[in-house]
Amino acid sequence: MRKGPLSLAVVLVVSSCCAPSVAQQTRAIRGKLVWDATGKTPPIAGGVIVVRGDRIVAVGAEKDIKIPSNAEVINERELFLMPGLVNSHDHLSMDQFSHMTEGAQKALPAGMLALKAARNARNSLLSGVTTTRIMTEVRKGDSEFMDIEYRNAIDEGLVPGPRLFVAGYQLRPPEAFPNYPGLEPPVSGVDEAVRAVRQSIGAGANFCKMYLSGVGFDVPGIPNTSKSAIYFTKSEIEAIVQECKRHGMKVGAHSPAGGPSLQIAMDAGVDYIDHGFLFTRGDMEAIKAHNIILSIGGVRWFTPGGEAEGYVGIPPPPNGEEMVRKWYTLAFEVRPKLAVGTDGFQEVGAMGKEVGFLVKYGLPIEEALLAATRNGGDLTGLPIGTLEANKYADIIGLEGNPLQDIGALQQVKFVMKGGKIFNLSDLWN
């Protein structure tokens, strides 16, 4: 790994985690109920999951599954077993309770941001999140690809955290939000856009992300945040998508507002859209027709006087509750394929709260859980999100049944990621 400020920060947190590689051992995990998140079968009473190494071998009722004689049997008979949650939109170095603006946070030394990311990664595991899609954490050009660095630190077992699927560069033109000092340089023109994509891929990014529009409403003191802002040209959008696809990468687009840029991106072949809180019915229907996954979430950014009050710089809109209700009602009526993320809320249980908002605003519980598991897996393209043979052994155990009470997502008692069981008591300390 390249040495630098983040590498130093990683060394400081090594002692918080003991993460040896998963041996090719066989385990059989017994649960009270086992829900596979395929959307095809109900929970299995007295179910068992057989795991070999980092993969699932078999899932079913214990009477139908032959447990290998050499298997270690793990009894979780009081727990509801299900796939690990997939946080489809997050920024691990952000801290919504810091009483700092986003710009001020981005200006912190990379080592400090890395330490914040390490803490938040641990909190994610405690929340039952086993995979997270990171929506860019780059600073000062390709010299500090923080998201790639701390992804590697987690992969190496230096710090505990979810499996990370990271974007690298956030592709944005010079006039676009976000435009804080210290961020990687913006791009202008086809040549710069292609060069930035190549730099991000060369650094080890897993997917590409571009900005199609601002946050959707005017933010005091920050230009070009409104829904009328359309950022890249048609040629730039097409070049970004084509270059990413040429390297076998999926492409995501930040688009709170729809309109012409959204249509261009869809026609160019973008794979997923993030936010969409000002989309029209036509925008939603177009996403569904193109079979594009829509990642929603971050509801607490919109709640005046709510839990985001410690975070300053982007005040919630005065009609935030109404905006969220309209956004979610439309999404649930049209039903494009939905994934869900926390968008920077990092306390333990944040993902469970976010899934709870889907239910609060009208999505049936099972569909909300599928958005946080199966659909999140489909969004990344990784073998995750369901409990099926050959998928990664990402399994969580809950007290209570979330299919009956979504609040059970706040009661995570067992976490396995890629076949490794995490001692949650150690993570709390």
Protein backbone atom coordinates (compact mmCIF):
# COMPACT_ATOMS: atom_id res chain seq x y z
CA MET A 1 0.00 0.00 0.00
CA ARG A 2 1.24 3.49 -0.81
CA LYS A 3 2.51 5.28 2.27
CA GLY A 4 1.04 8.62 3.23
CA PRO A 5 -1.19 10.38 5.78
CA LEU A 6 -3.88 7.72 5.61
CA SER A 7 -1.41 4.88 6.01
CA LEU A 8 -0.15 6.51 9.23
CA ALA A 9 -3.72 6.85 10.49
CA VAL A 10 -4.37 3.20 9.75
CA VAL A 11 -1.37 2.17 11.86
CA LEU A 12 -2.89 4.04 14.79
CA VAL A 13 -6.08 1.98 14.70
CA VAL A 14 -4.64 -1.47 14.04
CA SER A 15 -5.06 -2.38 17.68
CA SER A 16 -8.84 -1.96 17.41
CA CYS A 17 -9.23 -5.01 15.23
CA CYS A 18 -7.97 -8.54 14.98
CA ALA A 19 -8.95 -9.77 11.53
CA PRO A 20 -7.06 -12.86 10.41
CA SER A 21 -7.98 -14.24 7.00
CA VAL A 22 -10.89 -16.64 6.92
CA ALA A 23 -9.64 -20.26 6.82
CA GLN A 24 -11.37 -22.74 4.57
CA GLN A 25 -13.32 -24.05 7.51
CA THR A 26 -16.92 -25.23 7.33
CA ARG A 27 -19.59 -23.82 9.62
CA ALA A 28 -23.27 -24.46 10.05
CA ILE A 29 -25.27 -21.60 11.56
CA ARG A 30 -28.64 -22.48 13.05
CA GLY A 31 -31.26 -19.77 13.41
CA LYS A 32 -34.77 -19.36 14.75
CA LEU A 33 -35.80 -18.06 11.32
CA VAL A 34 -33.69 -17.76 8.16
CA TRP A 35 -34.78 -15.24 5.51
CA ASP A 36 -32.85 -15.49 2.24
CA ALA A 37 -33.95 -12.10 0.74
CA THR A 38 -34.55 -13.60 -2.71
CA GLY A 39 -38.16 -12.40 -2.61
CA LYS A 40 -39.25 -15.91 -3.52
CA THR A 41 -39.59 -17.77 -0.23
CA PRO A 42 -40.83 -16.99 3.30
CA PRO A 43 -38.50 -17.25 6.28
CA ILE A 44 -37.48 -20.80 7.12
CA ALA A 45 -38.32 -21.88 10.66
CA GLY A 46 -35.40 -23.70 12.23
CA GLY A 47 -33.26 -22.87 9.23
CA VAL A 48 -29.56 -23.52 8.80
CA ILE A 49 -26.88 -21.84 6.68
CA VAL A 50 -23.80 -23.86 5.73
CA VAL A 51 -20.68 -21.78 5.06
CA ARG A 52 -17.32 -22.86 3.70
CA GLY A 53 -14.58 -20.26 3.82
CA ASP A 54 -16.06 -16.95 2.70
CA ARG A 55 -18.99 -18.42 0.73
CA ILE A 56 -22.40 -19.89 1.42
CA VAL A 57 -22.75 -23.57 0.49
CA ALA A 58 -26.39 -24.27 1.33
CA VAL A 59 -29.46 -22.70 2.96
CA GLY A 60 -32.60 -24.49 4.07
CA ALA A 61 -34.56 -26.22 6.79
CA GLU A 62 -32.28 -28.31 8.96
CA LYS A 63 -34.21 -31.47 8.05
CA ASP A 64 -33.35 -30.85 4.40
CA ILE A 65 -29.70 -29.87 4.85
CA LYS A 66 -26.92 -32.36 5.47
CA ILE A 67 -24.49 -30.67 7.83
CA PRO A 68 -20.94 -31.87 7.06
CA SER A 69 -19.42 -33.93 9.84
CA ASN A 70 -16.43 -31.57 10.06
CA ALA A 71 -18.57 -28.45 10.39
CA GLU A 72 -18.43 -26.18 13.40
CA VAL A 73 -22.05 -25.74 14.48
CA ILE A 74 -23.01 -22.24 15.64
CA ASN A 75 -26.32 -22.10 17.47
CA GLU A 76 -28.17 -18.80 17.10
CA ARG A 77 -31.57 -20.35 17.80
CA GLU A 78 -32.99 -17.13 19.23
CA LEU A 79 -32.09 -14.97 16.23
CA PHE A 80 -33.61 -14.04 12.89
CA LEU A 81 -30.86 -14.67 10.32
CA MET A 82 -30.75 -12.66 7.09
CA PRO A 83 -28.21 -11.23 4.64
CA GLY A 84 -25.99 -8.40 5.81
CA LEU A 85 -27.35 -4.95 4.97
CA VAL A 86 -26.02 -3.12 1.92
CA ASN A 87 -25.64 0.64 2.45
CA SER A 88 -25.93 1.86 -1.13
CA HIS A 89 -24.85 5.47 -0.55
CA ASP A 90 -22.47 6.63 2.13
CA HIS A 91 -19.41 8.80 2.90
CA LEU A 92 -17.53 7.19 5.77
CA SER A 93 -15.31 10.16 6.55
CA MET A 94 -18.30 12.45 7.11
CA ASP A 95 -19.53 13.18 10.62
CA GLN A 96 -22.99 14.72 10.83
CA PHE A 97 -22.57 15.39 14.55
CA SER A 98 -19.32 17.35 14.23
CA HIS A 99 -20.82 20.86 14.34
CA MET A 100 -18.69 21.61 11.27
CA THR A 101 -19.64 22.42 7.71
CA GLU A 102 -18.95 19.82 5.05
CA GLY A 103 -16.30 22.12 3.58
CA ALA A 104 -14.55 22.44 6.94
CA GLN A 105 -14.60 18.69 7.38
CA LYS A 106 -13.12 18.12 3.94
CA ALA A 107 -10.31 20.53 4.85
CA LEU A 108 -9.23 18.43 7.84
CA PRO A 109 -5.96 16.49 7.53
CA ALA A 110 -6.36 13.22 5.70
CA GLY A 111 -5.22 11.32 8.78
CA MET A 112 -8.05 12.74 10.88
CA LEU A 113 -10.61 11.93 8.20
CA ALA A 114 -9.22 8.41 7.97
CA LEU A 115 -9.68 7.96 11.73
CA LYS A 116 -13.27 9.17 11.43
CA ALA A 117 -13.81 6.70 8.59
CA ALA A 118 -12.37 3.87 10.73
CA ARG A 119 -14.76 4.69 13.58
CA ASN A 120 -17.71 4.93 11.22
CA ALA A 121 -16.79 1.65 9.52
CA ARG A 122 -16.91 -0.03 12.92
CA ASN A 123 -20.29 1.56 13.63
CA SER A 124 -21.53 0.24 10.29
CA LEU A 125 -20.66 -3.33 11.26
CA LEU A 126 -22.43 -2.88 14.59
CA SER A 127 -25.45 -1.78 12.55
CA GLY A 128 -25.43 -4.98 10.49
CA VAL A 129 -23.98 -3.37 7.37
CA THR A 130 -21.60 -5.76 5.61
CA THR A 131 -21.19 -3.86 2.31
CA THR A 132 -21.15 -0.12 1.68
CA ARG A 133 -21.02 1.84 -1.57
CA ILE A 134 -18.77 4.86 -0.97
CA MET A 135 -19.72 7.92 -3.00
CA THR A 136 -16.29 9.56 -3.32
CA GLU A 137 -13.90 10.77 -0.62
CA VAL A 138 -11.07 12.02 -2.86
CA ARG A 139 -9.02 15.08 -1.89
CA LYS A 140 -6.43 17.15 -3.75
CA GLY A 141 -6.31 15.06 -6.87
CA ASP A 142 -5.06 11.50 -7.14
CA SER A 143 -2.55 11.95 -4.30
CA GLU A 144 -5.16 11.14 -1.65
CA PHE A 145 -7.73 8.59 -2.77
CA MET A 146 -8.95 8.13 0.79
CA ASP A 147 -11.85 5.84 -0.04
CA ILE A 148 -9.55 3.44 -1.88
CA GLU A 149 -6.97 3.57 0.91
CA TYR A 150 -9.34 2.79 3.76
CA ARG A 151 -11.10 0.15 1.63
CA ASN A 152 -7.70 -1.54 1.31
CA ALA A 153 -7.09 -1.19 5.04
CA ILE A 154 -10.38 -2.97 5.76
CA ASP A 155 -9.62 -5.67 3.18
CA GLU A 156 -6.23 -6.27 4.81
CA GLY A 157 -7.85 -6.64 8.24
CA LEU A 158 -6.22 -3.55 9.69
CA VAL A 159 -9.56 -2.08 10.77
CA PRO A 160 -13.04 -3.63 11.11
CA GLY A 161 -15.58 -2.51 8.58
CA PRO A 162 -17.94 -3.45 5.78
CA ARG A 163 -16.77 -4.56 2.37
CA LEU A 164 -16.41 -1.29 0.44
CA PHE A 165 -17.39 -0.54 -3.16
CA VAL A 166 -15.79 2.83 -3.89
CA ALA A 167 -16.00 5.53 -6.54
CA GLY A 168 -12.69 7.38 -6.40
CA TYR A 169 -13.10 10.67 -8.29
CA GLN A 170 -16.36 12.56 -8.03
CA LEU A 171 -16.66 13.82 -11.60
CA ARG A 172 -17.98 17.39 -11.60
CA PRO A 173 -17.44 20.50 -13.72
CA PRO A 174 -15.86 23.68 -12.29
CA GLU A 175 -19.13 25.47 -11.55
CA ALA A 176 -20.73 22.47 -9.86
CA PHE A 177 -21.63 21.74 -6.27
CA PRO A 178 -19.75 20.43 -4.30
CA ASN A 179 -17.02 22.99 -4.79
CA TYR A 180 -15.15 23.12 -1.47
CA PRO A 181 -11.44 23.92 -1.26
CA GLY A 182 -9.33 20.80 -0.98
CA LEU A 183 -11.48 18.57 -3.17
CA GLU A 184 -10.00 16.92 -6.22
CA PRO A 185 -9.87 19.19 -9.30
CA PRO A 186 -13.08 19.49 -11.31
CA VAL A 187 -13.09 18.45 -14.95
CA SER A 188 -14.08 20.45 -18.00
CA GLY A 189 -14.31 19.05 -21.49
CA VAL A 190 -14.20 15.53 -22.87
CA ASP A 191 -10.43 15.09 -22.59
CA GLU A 192 -10.30 16.05 -18.90
CA ALA A 193 -13.31 13.89 -18.12
CA VAL A 194 -11.74 10.83 -19.73
CA ARG A 195 -8.41 11.53 -18.01
CA ALA A 196 -10.11 11.72 -14.59
CA VAL A 197 -11.92 8.44 -15.21
CA ARG A 198 -8.64 6.77 -16.09
CA GLN A 199 -6.88 8.16 -13.02
CA SER A 200 -9.66 6.90 -10.78
CA ILE A 201 -9.63 3.45 -12.35
CA GLY A 202 -5.84 3.33 -12.16
CA ALA A 203 -6.00 4.09 -8.44
CA GLY A 204 -8.35 1.14 -7.90
CA ALA A 205 -11.89 2.53 -7.94
CA ASN A 206 -14.77 0.05 -8.25
CA PHE A 207 -17.21 2.27 -10.15
CA CYS A 208 -17.59 5.78 -11.58
CA LYS A 209 -19.71 8.65 -10.27
CA MET A 210 -20.66 11.89 -12.00
CA TYR A 211 -22.76 14.86 -10.94
CA LEU A 212 -25.74 15.71 -13.14
CA SER A 213 -27.34 18.38 -10.96
CA GLY A 214 -27.06 20.14 -7.61
CA VAL A 215 -28.75 19.33 -4.32
CA GLY A 216 -32.08 20.52 -5.68
CA PHE A 217 -32.65 23.68 -3.65
CA ASP A 218 -30.77 26.91 -3.00
CA VAL A 219 -28.23 26.72 -0.18
CA PRO A 220 -27.27 30.09 1.34
CA GLY A 221 -23.72 31.08 0.44
CA ILE A 222 -23.08 28.15 -1.91
CA PRO A 223 -23.57 28.74 -5.65
CA ASN A 224 -25.13 26.42 -8.19
CA THR A 225 -26.98 24.14 -5.82
CA SER A 226 -30.49 24.62 -7.18
CA LYS A 227 -32.48 22.19 -9.25
CA SER A 228 -32.03 24.35 -12.37
CA ALA A 229 -28.30 23.58 -12.50
CA ILE A 230 -27.43 21.15 -15.30
CA TYR A 231 -23.76 20.36 -15.16
CA PHE A 232 -22.03 18.32 -17.86
CA THR A 233 -22.67 18.65 -21.58
CA LYS A 234 -24.05 15.78 -23.62
CA SER A 235 -20.59 15.05 -25.03
CA GLU A 236 -19.01 15.00 -21.57
CA ILE A 237 -21.68 12.70 -20.14
CA GLU A 238 -21.36 10.28 -23.05
CA ALA A 239 -17.56 10.31 -22.83
CA ILE A 240 -17.61 9.53 -19.10
CA VAL A 241 -20.04 6.65 -19.50
CA GLN A 242 -18.23 5.22 -22.52
CA GLU A 243 -14.82 5.33 -20.86
CA CYS A 244 -16.10 3.70 -17.68
CA LYS A 245 -17.87 0.98 -19.64
CA ARG A 246 -14.76 0.40 -21.74
CA HIS A 247 -13.00 -0.58 -18.52
CA GLY A 248 -15.89 -2.77 -17.37
CA MET A 249 -17.02 -0.26 -14.73
CA LYS A 250 -20.57 0.59 -13.71
CA VAL A 251 -21.55 4.26 -13.72
CA GLY A 252 -23.62 6.14 -11.17
CA ALA A 253 -25.00 9.65 -11.37
CA HIS A 254 -25.84 12.16 -8.61
CA SER A 255 -29.16 13.60 -9.75
CA PRO A 256 -31.53 15.15 -7.21
CA ALA A 257 -33.36 16.79 -10.11
CA GLY A 258 -34.28 15.16 -13.41
CA GLY A 259 -34.60 16.89 -16.73
CA PRO A 260 -32.37 16.88 -19.82
CA SER A 261 -29.13 15.77 -18.13
CA LEU A 262 -30.89 12.75 -16.62
CA GLN A 263 -32.27 11.72 -19.99
CA ILE A 264 -28.86 12.08 -21.63
CA ALA A 265 -27.26 9.93 -18.92
CA MET A 266 -29.91 7.24 -19.22
CA ASP A 267 -29.56 7.13 -22.99
CA ALA A 268 -25.78 6.92 -22.60
CA GLY A 269 -26.11 3.82 -20.40
CA VAL A 270 -25.73 4.97 -16.79
CA ASP A 271 -26.36 2.07 -14.39
CA TYR A 272 -27.77 3.77 -11.33
CA ILE A 273 -29.07 7.12 -10.13
CA ASP A 274 -28.69 8.57 -6.66
CA HIS A 275 -31.31 10.68 -4.87
CA GLY A 276 -34.04 11.85 -7.26
CA PHE A 277 -35.95 13.81 -4.62
CA LEU A 278 -37.22 16.34 -7.19
CA PHE A 279 -37.99 13.84 -9.95
CA THR A 280 -41.24 14.05 -11.85
CA ARG A 281 -43.38 11.02 -12.48
CA GLY A 282 -41.94 10.99 -15.99
CA ASP A 283 -38.39 10.85 -14.58
CA MET A 284 -39.30 7.95 -12.31
CA GLU A 285 -41.02 6.07 -15.10
CA ALA A 286 -38.03 6.61 -17.40
CA ILE A 287 -35.67 5.14 -14.78
CA LYS A 288 -37.92 2.12 -14.46
CA ALA A 289 -38.15 1.70 -18.24
CA HIS A 290 -34.34 1.81 -18.54
CA ASN A 291 -34.02 -0.77 -15.70
CA ILE A 292 -31.85 1.65 -13.71
CA ILE A 293 -31.54 1.24 -9.95
CA LEU A 294 -32.49 4.32 -7.92
CA SER A 295 -30.59 4.72 -4.64
CA ILE A 296 -32.61 6.79 -2.17
CA GLY A 297 -32.08 7.72 1.48
CA GLY A 298 -30.50 10.35 3.67
CA VAL A 299 -33.97 11.38 4.88
CA ARG A 300 -32.62 13.16 7.94
CA TRP A 301 -30.95 15.83 5.80
CA PHE A 302 -34.48 17.06 5.05
CA THR A 303 -35.89 17.26 8.56
CA PRO A 304 -35.75 20.75 10.09
CA GLY A 305 -34.72 20.56 13.73
CA GLY A 306 -34.00 16.88 13.34
CA GLU A 307 -31.00 14.71 14.00
CA ALA A 308 -28.78 16.51 11.47
CA GLU A 309 -28.75 19.73 13.50
CA GLY A 310 -25.16 19.16 14.58
CA TYR A 311 -24.10 19.39 10.96
CA VAL A 312 -23.98 22.91 9.54
CA GLY A 313 -23.54 24.37 6.09
CA ILE A 314 -26.48 22.77 4.32
CA PRO A 315 -29.57 23.64 6.37
CA PRO A 316 -32.63 21.47 5.81
CA PRO A 317 -35.19 23.04 3.48
CA PRO A 318 -38.19 24.48 5.34
CA ASN A 319 -40.51 22.11 3.48
CA GLY A 320 -38.24 19.10 3.99
CA GLU A 321 -40.85 16.75 5.45
CA GLU A 322 -43.24 17.53 2.62
CA MET A 323 -40.43 17.05 0.08
CA VAL A 324 -39.52 13.61 1.43
CA ARG A 325 -43.13 12.47 1.59
CA LYS A 326 -43.75 13.52 -2.02
CA TRP A 327 -40.44 11.96 -3.17
CA TYR A 328 -41.05 8.61 -1.50
CA THR A 329 -44.74 8.45 -2.38
CA LEU A 330 -43.89 8.89 -6.06
CA ALA A 331 -41.06 6.35 -5.93
CA PHE A 332 -43.30 3.79 -4.21
CA GLU A 333 -46.11 4.35 -6.70
CA VAL A 334 -43.91 4.00 -9.80
CA ARG A 335 -41.65 1.30 -8.27
CA PRO A 336 -38.33 1.61 -10.08
CA LYS A 337 -35.86 -0.82 -8.54
CA LEU A 338 -34.88 0.81 -5.24
CA ALA A 339 -31.76 0.62 -3.11
CA VAL A 340 -31.19 2.63 0.08
CA GLY A 341 -28.31 4.36 1.85
CA THR A 342 -27.63 6.61 4.82
CA ASP A 343 -25.70 9.37 2.97
CA GLY A 344 -23.35 10.27 5.80
CA PHE A 345 -25.29 9.41 8.96
CA GLN A 346 -22.89 7.29 10.92
CA GLU A 347 -24.17 6.43 14.38
CA VAL A 348 -24.80 2.80 15.29
CA GLY A 349 -28.21 1.84 13.92
CA ALA A 350 -28.27 4.49 11.18
CA MET A 351 -29.01 2.00 8.42
CA GLY A 352 -31.87 0.46 10.37
CA LYS A 353 -33.34 3.92 10.85
CA GLU A 354 -33.06 4.64 7.13
CA VAL A 355 -34.87 1.43 6.20
CA GLY A 356 -37.47 2.38 8.80
CA PHE A 357 -38.16 5.59 6.91
CA LEU A 358 -39.02 3.58 3.80
CA VAL A 359 -41.66 1.79 5.83
CA LYS A 360 -42.86 4.99 7.49
CA TYR A 361 -43.53 6.60 4.11
CA GLY A 362 -45.42 3.64 2.72
CA LEU A 363 -43.17 0.90 1.33
CA PRO A 364 -44.19 -2.61 2.48
CA ILE A 365 -41.74 -4.02 5.02
CA GLU A 366 -40.44 -6.85 2.85
CA GLU A 367 -39.78 -4.51 -0.07
CA ALA A 368 -37.92 -2.14 2.25
CA LEU A 369 -35.75 -5.02 3.45
CA LEU A 370 -35.14 -6.14 -0.14
CA ALA A 371 -33.99 -2.60 -1.00
CA ALA A 372 -31.42 -2.89 1.79
CA THR A 373 -30.23 -6.38 0.83
CA ARG A 374 -30.94 -7.96 -2.57
CA ASN A 375 -31.27 -4.71 -4.51
CA GLY A 376 -28.13 -3.29 -2.94
CA GLY A 377 -26.31 -6.41 -4.04
CA ASP A 378 -27.63 -6.02 -7.58
CA LEU A 379 -26.48 -2.40 -7.58
CA THR A 380 -22.87 -3.33 -6.84
CA GLY A 381 -22.82 -6.45 -9.02
CA LEU A 382 -21.04 -8.30 -6.20
CA PRO A 383 -22.20 -11.78 -5.06
CA ILE A 384 -23.99 -10.34 -2.01
CA GLY A 385 -27.45 -9.36 -0.81
CA THR A 386 -29.11 -12.78 -0.61
CA LEU A 387 -28.47 -16.03 1.24
CA GLU A 388 -27.80 -18.38 -1.65
CA ALA A 389 -25.13 -20.89 -2.60
CA ASN A 390 -21.91 -19.27 -3.89
CA LYS A 391 -22.77 -15.83 -2.48
CA TYR A 392 -20.44 -14.27 0.08
CA ALA A 393 -21.22 -15.44 3.60
CA ASP A 394 -22.54 -12.06 4.78
CA ILE A 395 -25.04 -12.91 7.51
CA ILE A 396 -26.55 -10.95 10.38
CA GLY A 397 -28.69 -12.11 13.30
CA LEU A 398 -31.42 -9.99 14.89
CA GLU A 399 -33.51 -10.18 18.00
CA GLY A 400 -37.06 -10.05 16.74
CA ASN A 401 -38.51 -10.42 13.26
CA PRO A 402 -38.01 -7.37 11.01
CA LEU A 403 -40.70 -8.65 8.63
CA GLN A 404 -43.16 -8.02 11.45
CA ASP A 405 -41.49 -5.04 13.13
CA ILE A 406 -38.90 -3.06 11.17
CA GLY A 407 -37.53 -1.83 14.50
CA ALA A 408 -35.85 -5.24 14.87
CA LEU A 409 -33.13 -3.93 12.53
CA GLN A 410 -31.89 -1.98 15.55
CA GLN A 411 -31.24 -5.23 17.45
CA VAL A 412 -28.17 -6.66 15.69
CA LYS A 413 -26.63 -9.46 17.75
CA PHE A 414 -24.59 -11.43 15.20
CA VAL A 415 -22.47 -10.28 12.24
CA MET A 416 -20.56 -12.42 9.76
CA LYS A 417 -18.85 -10.81 6.77
CA GLY A 418 -17.25 -13.03 4.16
CA GLY A 419 -17.26 -15.95 6.58
CA LYS A 420 -15.61 -14.01 9.44
CA ILE A 421 -17.61 -13.60 12.64
CA PHE A 422 -17.10 -10.27 14.39
CA ASN A 423 -17.19 -10.08 18.16
CA LEU A 424 -19.64 -7.23 18.65
CA SER A 425 -18.66 -6.78 22.28
CA ASP A 426 -15.10 -6.02 21.18
CA LEU A 427 -16.34 -3.52 18.60
CA TRP A 428 -18.38 -1.67 21.21
CA ASN A 429 -15.30 -1.23 23.45
